[in-house]
Amino acid sequence: MGETMIRSMLVSELAERLDIPERTCQRIVSTIVTTIEDALIDGNRIEIRGFGTFAVKYRPARRGRNPLSGKTVDVPPRYTVHFRAGKAMRETVDFQRLVEEKARSE
């Protein structure tokens, strides 16, 4: 299993690939994330062709169960962010992972 890429790693990777200062990449990544957050707060759906879509989903209040104690608890309503990968990304990731698996097994 691969490692988790965190924001600082993403910034470093972008800076290296684009040959621009990390400080500039930090501002770019922050601007993109903030823009996505603002659009979702406004109730908009974000679609990045070939990458995926972000949308806000409403989850109504419900009764849940604490898995440790077994007690019933009330779960308040909330909004969650839903991401769905685009077809091109799903196909690319699937293909590359299969190629890597095959190479490891040989």
PDB file of N, CA and C in Angstrom:
ATOM      1  N   MET A   1       0.842  -1.178   0.000  1.00  0.00           N
ATOM      2  CA  MET A   1       0.000   0.000   0.000  1.00  0.00           C
ATOM      3  C   MET A   1       0.885   1.239   0.000  1.00  0.00           C
ATOM      4  N   GLY A   2       0.519   2.250  -0.756  1.00  0.00           N
ATOM      5  CA  GLY A   2       1.300   3.470  -0.845  1.00  0.00           C
ATOM      6  C   GLY A   2       1.128   4.337   0.387  1.00  0.00           C
ATOM      7  N   GLU A   3       1.925   5.385   0.444  1.00  0.00           N
ATOM      8  CA  GLU A   3       1.827   6.293   1.576  1.00  0.00           C
ATOM      9  C   GLU A   3       0.814   7.393   1.282  1.00  0.00           C
ATOM     10  N   THR A   4       0.453   8.130   2.294  1.00  0.00           N
ATOM     11  CA  THR A   4      -0.484   9.232   2.151  1.00  0.00           C
ATOM     12  C   THR A   4       0.269  10.473   1.703  1.00  0.00           C
ATOM     13  N   MET A   5      -0.232  11.130   0.672  1.00  0.00           N
ATOM     14  CA  MET A   5       0.372  12.390   0.241  1.00  0.00           C
ATOM     15  C   MET A   5      -0.353  13.517   0.960  1.00  0.00           C
ATOM     16  N   ILE A   6       0.385  14.272   1.747  1.00  0.00           N
ATOM     17  CA  ILE A   6      -0.200  15.393   2.460  1.00  0.00           C
ATOM     18  C   ILE A   6       0.075  16.675   1.678  1.00  0.00           C
ATOM     19  N   ARG A   7      -0.552  17.759   2.103  1.00  0.00           N
ATOM     20  CA  ARG A   7      -0.476  19.019   1.372  1.00  0.00           C
ATOM     21  C   ARG A   7       0.972  19.455   1.118  1.00  0.00           C
ATOM     22  N   SER A   8       1.824  19.359   2.121  1.00  0.00           N
ATOM     23  CA  SER A   8       3.213  19.808   1.952  1.00  0.00           C
ATOM     24  C   SER A   8       3.938  18.974   0.895  1.00  0.00           C
ATOM     25  N   MET A   9       3.615  17.676   0.823  1.00  0.00           N
ATOM     26  CA  MET A   9       4.227  16.819  -0.194  1.00  0.00           C
ATOM     27  C   MET A   9       3.720  17.207  -1.581  1.00  0.00           C
ATOM     28  N   LEU A  10       2.440  17.528  -1.682  1.00  0.00           N
ATOM     29  CA  LEU A  10       1.861  17.971  -2.948  1.00  0.00           C
ATOM     30  C   LEU A  10       2.530  19.262  -3.406  1.00  0.00           C
ATOM     31  N   VAL A  11       2.704  20.194  -2.483  1.00  0.00           N
ATOM     32  CA  VAL A  11       3.359  21.471  -2.801  1.00  0.00           C
ATOM     33  C   VAL A  11       4.787  21.223  -3.285  1.00  0.00           C
ATOM     34  N   SER A  12       5.522  20.375  -2.592  1.00  0.00           N
ATOM     35  CA  SER A  12       6.904  20.071  -2.990  1.00  0.00           C
ATOM     36  C   SER A  12       6.959  19.441  -4.374  1.00  0.00           C
ATOM     37  N   GLU A  13       6.051  18.502  -4.633  1.00  0.00           N
ATOM     38  CA  GLU A  13       6.004  17.826  -5.933  1.00  0.00           C
ATOM     39  C   GLU A  13       5.703  18.823  -7.052  1.00  0.00           C
ATOM     40  N   LEU A  14       4.735  19.702  -6.828  1.00  0.00           N
ATOM     41  CA  LEU A  14       4.404  20.722  -7.835  1.00  0.00           C
ATOM     42  C   LEU A  14       5.587  21.648  -8.090  1.00  0.00           C
ATOM     43  N   ALA A  15       6.236  22.075  -7.015  1.00  0.00           N
ATOM     44  CA  ALA A  15       7.378  22.981  -7.152  1.00  0.00           C
ATOM     45  C   ALA A  15       8.485  22.329  -7.979  1.00  0.00           C
ATOM     46  N   GLU A  16       8.722  21.060  -7.715  1.00  0.00           N
ATOM     47  CA  GLU A  16       9.762  20.343  -8.447  1.00  0.00           C
ATOM     48  C   GLU A  16       9.382  20.157  -9.921  1.00  0.00           C
ATOM     49  N   ARG A  17       8.149  19.716 -10.167  1.00  0.00           N
ATOM     50  CA  ARG A  17       7.719  19.460 -11.551  1.00  0.00           C
ATOM     51  C   ARG A  17       7.630  20.732 -12.386  1.00  0.00           C
ATOM     52  N   LEU A  18       7.178  21.823 -11.760  1.00  0.00           N
ATOM     53  CA  LEU A  18       6.989  23.075 -12.502  1.00  0.00           C
ATOM     54  C   LEU A  18       8.197  23.997 -12.416  1.00  0.00           C
ATOM     55  N   ASP A  19       9.168  23.614 -11.589  1.00  0.00           N
ATOM     56  CA  ASP A  19      10.373  24.408 -11.398  1.00  0.00           C
ATOM     57  C   ASP A  19      10.036  25.845 -10.993  1.00  0.00           C
ATOM     58  N   ILE A  20       9.185  25.950  -9.976  1.00  0.00           N
ATOM     59  CA  ILE A  20       8.841  27.254  -9.412  1.00  0.00           C
ATOM     60  C   ILE A  20       8.991  27.162  -7.895  1.00  0.00           C
ATOM     61  N   PRO A  21       9.110  28.293  -7.209  1.00  0.00           N
ATOM     62  CA  PRO A  21       9.325  28.267  -5.763  1.00  0.00           C
ATOM     63  C   PRO A  21       8.178  27.595  -5.002  1.00  0.00           C
ATOM     64  N   GLU A  22       8.536  26.903  -3.911  1.00  0.00           N
ATOM     65  CA  GLU A  22       7.523  26.237  -3.092  1.00  0.00           C
ATOM     66  C   GLU A  22       6.521  27.232  -2.531  1.00  0.00           C
ATOM     67  N   ARG A  23       6.990  28.416  -2.210  1.00  0.00           N
ATOM     68  CA  ARG A  23       6.094  29.455  -1.657  1.00  0.00           C
ATOM     69  C   ARG A  23       4.972  29.771  -2.644  1.00  0.00           C
ATOM     70  N   THR A  24       5.313  29.843  -3.916  1.00  0.00           N
ATOM     71  CA  THR A  24       4.319  30.110  -4.960  1.00  0.00           C
ATOM     72  C   THR A  24       3.342  28.948  -5.049  1.00  0.00           C
ATOM     73  N   CYS A  25       3.863  27.733  -4.991  1.00  0.00           N
ATOM     74  CA  CYS A  25       3.005  26.544  -5.046  1.00  0.00           C
ATOM     75  C   CYS A  25       2.072  26.479  -3.846  1.00  0.00           C
ATOM     76  N   GLN A  26       2.561  26.880  -2.676  1.00  0.00           N
ATOM     77  CA  GLN A  26       1.716  26.906  -1.483  1.00  0.00           C
ATOM     78  C   GLN A  26       0.521  27.834  -1.708  1.00  0.00           C
ATOM     79  N   ARG A  27       0.785  29.011  -2.272  1.00  0.00           N
ATOM     80  CA  ARG A  27      -0.301  29.964  -2.541  1.00  0.00           C
ATOM     81  C   ARG A  27      -1.275  29.412  -3.568  1.00  0.00           C
ATOM     82  N   ILE A  28      -0.759  28.728  -4.590  1.00  0.00           N
ATOM     83  CA  ILE A  28      -1.624  28.156  -5.630  1.00  0.00           C
ATOM     84  C   ILE A  28      -2.526  27.079  -5.031  1.00  0.00           C
ATOM     85  N   VAL A  29      -1.948  26.152  -4.272  1.00  0.00           N
ATOM     86  CA  VAL A  29      -2.725  25.070  -3.672  1.00  0.00           C
ATOM     87  C   VAL A  29      -3.758  25.640  -2.701  1.00  0.00           C
ATOM     88  N   SER A  30      -3.361  26.594  -1.876  1.00  0.00           N
ATOM     89  CA  SER A  30      -4.294  27.216  -0.931  1.00  0.00           C
ATOM     90  C   SER A  30      -5.434  27.919  -1.649  1.00  0.00           C
ATOM     91  N   THR A  31      -5.121  28.593  -2.740  1.00  0.00           N
ATOM     92  CA  THR A  31      -6.147  29.287  -3.512  1.00  0.00           C
ATOM     93  C   THR A  31      -7.139  28.305  -4.116  1.00  0.00           C
ATOM     94  N   ILE A  32      -6.642  27.198  -4.657  1.00  0.00           N
ATOM     95  CA  ILE A  32      -7.527  26.182  -5.237  1.00  0.00           C
ATOM     96  C   ILE A  32      -8.437  25.594  -4.164  1.00  0.00           C
ATOM     97  N   VAL A  33      -7.867  25.215  -3.024  1.00  0.00           N
ATOM     98  CA  VAL A  33      -8.653  24.612  -1.949  1.00  0.00           C
ATOM     99  C   VAL A  33      -9.701  25.602  -1.432  1.00  0.00           C
ATOM    100  N   THR A  34      -9.310  26.841  -1.217  1.00  0.00           N
ATOM    101  CA  THR A  34     -10.235  27.862  -0.733  1.00  0.00           C
ATOM    102  C   THR A  34     -11.355  28.116  -1.727  1.00  0.00           C
ATOM    103  N   THR A  35     -11.028  28.143  -3.008  1.00  0.00           N
ATOM    104  CA  THR A  35     -12.032  28.362  -4.048  1.00  0.00           C
ATOM    105  C   THR A  35     -13.038  27.220  -4.073  1.00  0.00           C
ATOM    106  N   ILE A  36     -12.560  25.995  -3.937  1.00  0.00           N
ATOM    107  CA  ILE A  36     -13.453  24.836  -3.890  1.00  0.00           C
ATOM    108  C   ILE A  36     -14.348  24.913  -2.649  1.00  0.00           C
ATOM    109  N   GLU A  37     -13.758  25.225  -1.503  1.00  0.00           N
ATOM    110  CA  GLU A  37     -14.537  25.346  -0.263  1.00  0.00           C
ATOM    111  C   GLU A  37     -15.624  26.415  -0.412  1.00  0.00           C
ATOM    112  N   ASP A  38     -15.252  27.585  -0.940  1.00  0.00           N
ATOM    113  CA  ASP A  38     -16.215  28.680  -1.097  1.00  0.00           C
ATOM    114  C   ASP A  38     -17.371  28.276  -2.007  1.00  0.00           C
ATOM    115  N   ALA A  39     -17.058  27.586  -3.100  1.00  0.00           N
ATOM    116  CA  ALA A  39     -18.104  27.152  -4.031  1.00  0.00           C
ATOM    117  C   ALA A  39     -19.037  26.149  -3.357  1.00  0.00           C
ATOM    118  N   LEU A  40     -18.480  25.226  -2.581  1.00  0.00           N
ATOM    119  CA  LEU A  40     -19.311  24.235  -1.890  1.00  0.00           C
ATOM    120  C   LEU A  40     -20.180  24.900  -0.828  1.00  0.00           C
ATOM    121  N   ILE A  41     -19.624  25.864  -0.110  1.00  0.00           N
ATOM    122  CA  ILE A  41     -20.396  26.605   0.896  1.00  0.00           C
ATOM    123  C   ILE A  41     -21.572  27.314   0.239  1.00  0.00           C
ATOM    124  N   ASP A  42     -21.363  27.839  -0.967  1.00  0.00           N
ATOM    125  CA  ASP A  42     -22.430  28.526  -1.704  1.00  0.00           C
ATOM    126  C   ASP A  42     -23.432  27.553  -2.318  1.00  0.00           C
ATOM    127  N   GLY A  43     -23.202  26.257  -2.157  1.00  0.00           N
ATOM    128  CA  GLY A  43     -24.128  25.258  -2.675  1.00  0.00           C
ATOM    129  C   GLY A  43     -23.855  24.834  -4.107  1.00  0.00           C
ATOM    130  N   ASN A  44     -22.717  25.224  -4.646  1.00  0.00           N
ATOM    131  CA  ASN A  44     -22.364  24.855  -6.014  1.00  0.00           C
ATOM    132  C   ASN A  44     -21.708  23.475  -6.068  1.00  0.00           C
ATOM    133  N   ARG A  45     -21.768  22.882  -7.227  1.00  0.00           N
ATOM    134  CA  ARG A  45     -21.093  21.622  -7.504  1.00  0.00           C
ATOM    135  C   ARG A  45     -19.866  21.961  -8.349  1.00  0.00           C
ATOM    136  N   ILE A  46     -18.748  21.342  -8.064  1.00  0.00           N
ATOM    137  CA  ILE A  46     -17.517  21.608  -8.807  1.00  0.00           C
ATOM    138  C   ILE A  46     -17.210  20.403  -9.665  1.00  0.00           C
ATOM    139  N   GLU A  47     -16.996  20.642 -10.945  1.00  0.00           N
ATOM    140  CA  GLU A  47     -16.644  19.563 -11.859  1.00  0.00           C
ATOM    141  C   GLU A  47     -15.342  19.917 -12.550  1.00  0.00           C
ATOM    142  N   ILE A  48     -14.352  19.048 -12.383  1.00  0.00           N
ATOM    143  CA  ILE A  48     -13.066  19.214 -13.052  1.00  0.00           C
ATOM    144  C   ILE A  48     -12.949  18.036 -14.009  1.00  0.00           C
ATOM    145  N   ARG A  49     -13.156  18.313 -15.287  1.00  0.00           N
ATOM    146  CA  ARG A  49     -13.176  17.250 -16.302  1.00  0.00           C
ATOM    147  C   ARG A  49     -11.913  16.405 -16.226  1.00  0.00           C
ATOM    148  N   GLY A  50     -12.095  15.099 -16.263  1.00  0.00           N
ATOM    149  CA  GLY A  50     -10.978  14.174 -16.209  1.00  0.00           C
ATOM    150  C   GLY A  50     -10.482  13.901 -14.802  1.00  0.00           C
ATOM    151  N   PHE A  51     -10.921  14.713 -13.837  1.00  0.00           N
ATOM    152  CA  PHE A  51     -10.489  14.537 -12.449  1.00  0.00           C
ATOM    153  C   PHE A  51     -11.637  14.033 -11.591  1.00  0.00           C
ATOM    154  N   GLY A  52     -12.719  14.811 -11.515  1.00  0.00           N
ATOM    155  CA  GLY A  52     -13.860  14.385 -10.727  1.00  0.00           C
ATOM    156  C   GLY A  52     -14.764  15.533 -10.349  1.00  0.00           C
ATOM    157  N   THR A  53     -15.762  15.232  -9.519  1.00  0.00           N
ATOM    158  CA  THR A  53     -16.707  16.251  -9.078  1.00  0.00           C
ATOM    159  C   THR A  53     -16.795  16.269  -7.555  1.00  0.00           C
ATOM    160  N   PHE A  54     -17.006  17.469  -7.028  1.00  0.00           N
ATOM    161  CA  PHE A  54     -17.242  17.672  -5.609  1.00  0.00           C
ATOM    162  C   PHE A  54     -18.662  18.190  -5.471  1.00  0.00           C
ATOM    163  N   ALA A  55     -19.393  17.667  -4.499  1.00  0.00           N
ATOM    164  CA  ALA A  55     -20.754  18.139  -4.255  1.00  0.00           C
ATOM    165  C   ALA A  55     -21.038  18.026  -2.758  1.00  0.00           C
ATOM    166  N   VAL A  56     -21.974  18.846  -2.299  1.00  0.00           N
ATOM    167  CA  VAL A  56     -22.397  18.795  -0.903  1.00  0.00           C
ATOM    168  C   VAL A  56     -23.639  17.925  -0.818  1.00  0.00           C
ATOM    169  N   LYS A  57     -23.642  17.024   0.142  1.00  0.00           N
ATOM    170  CA  LYS A  57     -24.797  16.141   0.360  1.00  0.00           C
ATOM    171  C   LYS A  57     -25.322  16.398   1.773  1.00  0.00           C
ATOM    172  N   TYR A  58     -26.641  16.442   1.889  1.00  0.00           N
ATOM    173  CA  TYR A  58     -27.271  16.622   3.193  1.00  0.00           C
ATOM    174  C   TYR A  58     -27.566  15.252   3.801  1.00  0.00           C
ATOM    175  N   ARG A  59     -27.190  15.087   5.048  1.00  0.00           N
ATOM    176  CA  ARG A  59     -27.490  13.837   5.761  1.00  0.00           C
ATOM    177  C   ARG A  59     -28.430  14.195   6.911  1.00  0.00           C
ATOM    178  N   PRO A  60     -29.676  13.742   6.852  1.00  0.00           N
ATOM    179  CA  PRO A  60     -30.647  14.083   7.906  1.00  0.00           C
ATOM    180  C   PRO A  60     -30.275  13.434   9.247  1.00  0.00           C
ATOM    181  N   ALA A  61     -30.892  13.951  10.298  1.00  0.00           N
ATOM    182  CA  ALA A  61     -30.677  13.387  11.632  1.00  0.00           C
ATOM    183  C   ALA A  61     -31.137  11.930  11.630  1.00  0.00           C
ATOM    184  N   ARG A  62     -30.480  11.127  12.457  1.00  0.00           N
ATOM    185  CA  ARG A  62     -30.847   9.718  12.529  1.00  0.00           C
ATOM    186  C   ARG A  62     -30.448   9.159  13.880  1.00  0.00           C
ATOM    187  N   ARG A  63     -30.899   7.962  14.139  1.00  0.00           N
ATOM    188  CA  ARG A  63     -30.504   7.258  15.354  1.00  0.00           C
ATOM    189  C   ARG A  63     -29.361   6.326  14.979  1.00  0.00           C
ATOM    190  N   GLY A  64     -28.283   6.396  15.731  1.00  0.00           N
ATOM    191  CA  GLY A  64     -27.140   5.532  15.494  1.00  0.00           C
ATOM    192  C   GLY A  64     -26.874   4.680  16.719  1.00  0.00           C
ATOM    193  N   ARG A  65     -25.791   3.914  16.644  1.00  0.00           N
ATOM    194  CA  ARG A  65     -25.442   3.049  17.763  1.00  0.00           C
ATOM    195  C   ARG A  65     -23.960   3.170  18.035  1.00  0.00           C
ATOM    196  N   ASN A  66     -23.618   3.372  19.281  1.00  0.00           N
ATOM    197  CA  ASN A  66     -22.221   3.420  19.685  1.00  0.00           C
ATOM    198  C   ASN A  66     -21.681   1.993  19.603  1.00  0.00           C
ATOM    199  N   PRO A  67     -20.678   1.748  18.731  1.00  0.00           N
ATOM    200  CA  PRO A  67     -20.195   0.370  18.558  1.00  0.00           C
ATOM    201  C   PRO A  67     -19.505  -0.207  19.797  1.00  0.00           C
ATOM    202  N   LEU A  68     -18.998   0.668  20.676  1.00  0.00           N
ATOM    203  CA  LEU A  68     -18.324   0.157  21.878  1.00  0.00           C
ATOM    204  C   LEU A  68     -19.312  -0.240  22.963  1.00  0.00           C
ATOM    205  N   SER A  69     -20.286   0.642  23.222  1.00  0.00           N
ATOM    206  CA  SER A  69     -21.217   0.369  24.323  1.00  0.00           C
ATOM    207  C   SER A  69     -22.522  -0.255  23.853  1.00  0.00           C
ATOM    208  N   GLY A  70     -22.845  -0.096  22.575  1.00  0.00           N
ATOM    209  CA  GLY A  70     -24.103  -0.628  22.057  1.00  0.00           C
ATOM    210  C   GLY A  70     -25.287   0.296  22.314  1.00  0.00           C
ATOM    211  N   LYS A  71     -25.049   1.428  22.994  1.00  0.00           N
ATOM    212  CA  LYS A  71     -26.127   2.364  23.305  1.00  0.00           C
ATOM    213  C   LYS A  71     -26.563   3.116  22.051  1.00  0.00           C
ATOM    214  N   THR A  72     -27.855   3.441  22.003  1.00  0.00           N
ATOM    215  CA  THR A  72     -28.406   4.221  20.902  1.00  0.00           C
ATOM    216  C   THR A  72     -28.056   5.696  21.126  1.00  0.00           C
ATOM    217  N   VAL A  73     -27.634   6.369  20.068  1.00  0.00           N
ATOM    218  CA  VAL A  73     -27.300   7.791  20.154  1.00  0.00           C
ATOM    219  C   VAL A  73     -27.988   8.537  19.011  1.00  0.00           C
ATOM    220  N   ASP A  74     -28.313   9.798  19.272  1.00  0.00           N
ATOM    221  CA  ASP A  74     -28.885  10.639  18.227  1.00  0.00           C
ATOM    222  C   ASP A  74     -27.748  11.281  17.443  1.00  0.00           C
ATOM    223  N   VAL A  75     -27.768  11.101  16.139  1.00  0.00           N
ATOM    224  CA  VAL A  75     -26.761  11.706  15.263  1.00  0.00           C
ATOM    225  C   VAL A  75     -27.411  12.925  14.619  1.00  0.00           C
ATOM    226  N   PRO A  76     -26.844  14.121  14.838  1.00  0.00           N
ATOM    227  CA  PRO A  76     -27.468  15.332  14.300  1.00  0.00           C
ATOM    228  C   PRO A  76     -27.353  15.406  12.773  1.00  0.00           C
ATOM    229  N   PRO A  77     -28.208  16.242  12.147  1.00  0.00           N
ATOM    230  CA  PRO A  77     -28.100  16.402  10.696  1.00  0.00           C
ATOM    231  C   PRO A  77     -26.799  17.119  10.348  1.00  0.00           C
ATOM    232  N   ARG A  78     -26.309  16.884   9.150  1.00  0.00           N
ATOM    233  CA  ARG A  78     -25.082  17.565   8.740  1.00  0.00           C
ATOM    234  C   ARG A  78     -24.942  17.533   7.228  1.00  0.00           C
ATOM    235  N   TYR A  79     -24.065  18.377   6.751  1.00  0.00           N
ATOM    236  CA  TYR A  79     -23.707  18.394   5.338  1.00  0.00           C
ATOM    237  C   TYR A  79     -22.341  17.748   5.199  1.00  0.00           C
ATOM    238  N   THR A  80     -22.174  16.934   4.181  1.00  0.00           N
ATOM    239  CA  THR A  80     -20.882  16.302   3.934  1.00  0.00           C
ATOM    240  C   THR A  80     -20.439  16.601   2.508  1.00  0.00           C
ATOM    241  N   VAL A  81     -19.152  16.577   2.289  1.00  0.00           N
ATOM    242  CA  VAL A  81     -18.612  16.783   0.952  1.00  0.00           C
ATOM    243  C   VAL A  81     -18.432  15.411   0.312  1.00  0.00           C
ATOM    244  N   HIS A  82     -18.959  15.282  -0.884  1.00  0.00           N
ATOM    245  CA  HIS A  82     -18.880  14.020  -1.619  1.00  0.00           C
ATOM    246  C   HIS A  82     -17.987  14.241  -2.840  1.00  0.00           C
ATOM    247  N   PHE A  83     -17.015  13.351  -3.042  1.00  0.00           N
ATOM    248  CA  PHE A  83     -16.155  13.424  -4.223  1.00  0.00           C
ATOM    249  C   PHE A  83     -16.379  12.178  -5.047  1.00  0.00           C
ATOM    250  N   ARG A  84     -16.534  12.365  -6.330  1.00  0.00           N
ATOM    251  CA  ARG A  84     -16.634  11.225  -7.233  1.00  0.00           C
ATOM    252  C   ARG A  84     -15.586  11.395  -8.321  1.00  0.00           C
ATOM    253  N   ALA A  85     -14.704  10.420  -8.423  1.00  0.00           N
ATOM    254  CA  ALA A  85     -13.632  10.481  -9.419  1.00  0.00           C
ATOM    255  C   ALA A  85     -14.227  10.436 -10.823  1.00  0.00           C
ATOM    256  N   GLY A  86     -13.614  11.185 -11.735  1.00  0.00           N
ATOM    257  CA  GLY A  86     -14.038  11.195 -13.123  1.00  0.00           C
ATOM    258  C   GLY A  86     -13.619   9.917 -13.830  1.00  0.00           C
ATOM    259  N   LYS A  87     -14.268   9.652 -14.947  1.00  0.00           N
ATOM    260  CA  LYS A  87     -14.018   8.423 -15.701  1.00  0.00           C
ATOM    261  C   LYS A  87     -12.558   8.306 -16.121  1.00  0.00           C
ATOM    262  N   ALA A  88     -11.985   9.397 -16.636  1.00  0.00           N
ATOM    263  CA  ALA A  88     -10.592   9.355 -17.098  1.00  0.00           C
ATOM    264  C   ALA A  88      -9.650   9.015 -15.943  1.00  0.00           C
ATOM    265  N   MET A  89      -9.879   9.608 -14.765  1.00  0.00           N
ATOM    266  CA  MET A  89      -9.014   9.322 -13.617  1.00  0.00           C
ATOM    267  C   MET A  89      -9.177   7.874 -13.172  1.00  0.00           C
ATOM    268  N   ARG A  90     -10.422   7.400 -13.076  1.00  0.00           N
ATOM    269  CA  ARG A  90     -10.650   6.010 -12.665  1.00  0.00           C
ATOM    270  C   ARG A  90      -9.948   5.043 -13.602  1.00  0.00           C
ATOM    271  N   GLU A  91     -10.085   5.273 -14.905  1.00  0.00           N
ATOM    272  CA  GLU A  91      -9.466   4.374 -15.882  1.00  0.00           C
ATOM    273  C   GLU A  91      -7.943   4.425 -15.816  1.00  0.00           C
ATOM    274  N   THR A  92      -7.379   5.616 -15.662  1.00  0.00           N
ATOM    275  CA  THR A  92      -5.920   5.760 -15.585  1.00  0.00           C
ATOM    276  C   THR A  92      -5.372   5.058 -14.347  1.00  0.00           C
ATOM    277  N   VAL A  93      -5.994   5.298 -13.203  1.00  0.00           N
ATOM    278  CA  VAL A  93      -5.533   4.683 -11.955  1.00  0.00           C
ATOM    279  C   VAL A  93      -5.675   3.168 -12.038  1.00  0.00           C
ATOM    280  N   ASP A  94      -6.816   2.703 -12.516  1.00  0.00           N
ATOM    281  CA  ASP A  94      -7.042   1.263 -12.636  1.00  0.00           C
ATOM    282  C   ASP A  94      -5.983   0.624 -13.535  1.00  0.00           C
ATOM    283  N   PHE A  95      -5.742   1.213 -14.692  1.00  0.00           N
ATOM    284  CA  PHE A  95      -4.774   0.664 -15.644  1.00  0.00           C
ATOM    285  C   PHE A  95      -3.370   0.628 -15.033  1.00  0.00           C
ATOM    286  N   GLN A  96      -2.937   1.746 -14.444  1.00  0.00           N
ATOM    287  CA  GLN A  96      -1.588   1.815 -13.873  1.00  0.00           C
ATOM    288  C   GLN A  96      -1.414   0.834 -12.720  1.00  0.00           C
ATOM    289  N   ARG A  97      -2.439   0.706 -11.871  1.00  0.00           N
ATOM    290  CA  ARG A  97      -2.342  -0.229 -10.747  1.00  0.00           C
ATOM    291  C   ARG A  97      -2.259  -1.670 -11.245  1.00  0.00           C
ATOM    292  N   LEU A  98      -3.014  -1.996 -12.282  1.00  0.00           N
ATOM    293  CA  LEU A  98      -2.966  -3.347 -12.839  1.00  0.00           C
ATOM    294  C   LEU A  98      -1.592  -3.633 -13.455  1.00  0.00           C
ATOM    295  N   VAL A  99      -1.017  -2.663 -14.156  1.00  0.00           N
ATOM    296  CA  VAL A  99       0.308  -2.816 -14.750  1.00  0.00           C
ATOM    297  C   VAL A  99       1.342  -3.062 -13.652  1.00  0.00           C
ATOM    298  N   GLU A 100       1.268  -2.267 -12.572  1.00  0.00           N
ATOM    299  CA  GLU A 100       2.204  -2.426 -11.456  1.00  0.00           C
ATOM    300  C   GLU A 100       2.037  -3.795 -10.788  1.00  0.00           C
ATOM    301  N   GLU A 101       0.805  -4.230 -10.601  1.00  0.00           N
ATOM    302  CA  GLU A 101       0.551  -5.548 -10.005  1.00  0.00           C
ATOM    303  C   GLU A 101       1.144  -6.659 -10.844  1.00  0.00           C
ATOM    304  N   LYS A 102       0.929  -6.562 -12.153  1.00  0.00           N
ATOM    305  CA  LYS A 102       1.447  -7.578 -13.065  1.00  0.00           C
ATOM    306  C   LYS A 102       2.967  -7.617 -13.031  1.00  0.00           C
ATOM    307  N   ALA A 103       3.590  -6.428 -13.000  1.00  0.00           N
ATOM    308  CA  ALA A 103       5.060  -6.356 -12.954  1.00  0.00           C
ATOM    309  C   ALA A 103       5.596  -6.974 -11.662  1.00  0.00           C
ATOM    310  N   ARG A 104       4.906  -6.755 -10.552  1.00  0.00           N
ATOM    311  CA  ARG A 104       5.337  -7.336  -9.269  1.00  0.00           C
ATOM    312  C   ARG A 104       5.205  -8.846  -9.247  1.00  0.00           C
ATOM    313  N   SER A 105       4.180  -9.369  -9.906  1.00  0.00           N
ATOM    314  CA  SER A 105       3.943 -10.812  -9.873  1.00  0.00           C
ATOM    315  C   SER A 105       4.855 -11.591 -10.805  1.00  0.00           C
ATOM    316  N   GLU A 106       5.507 -10.912 -11.738  1.00  0.00           N
ATOM    317  CA  GLU A 106       6.396 -11.616 -12.682  1.00  0.00           C
ATOM    318  C   GLU A 106       7.781 -11.790 -12.158  1.00  0.00           C
TER     319      GLU A 106
END
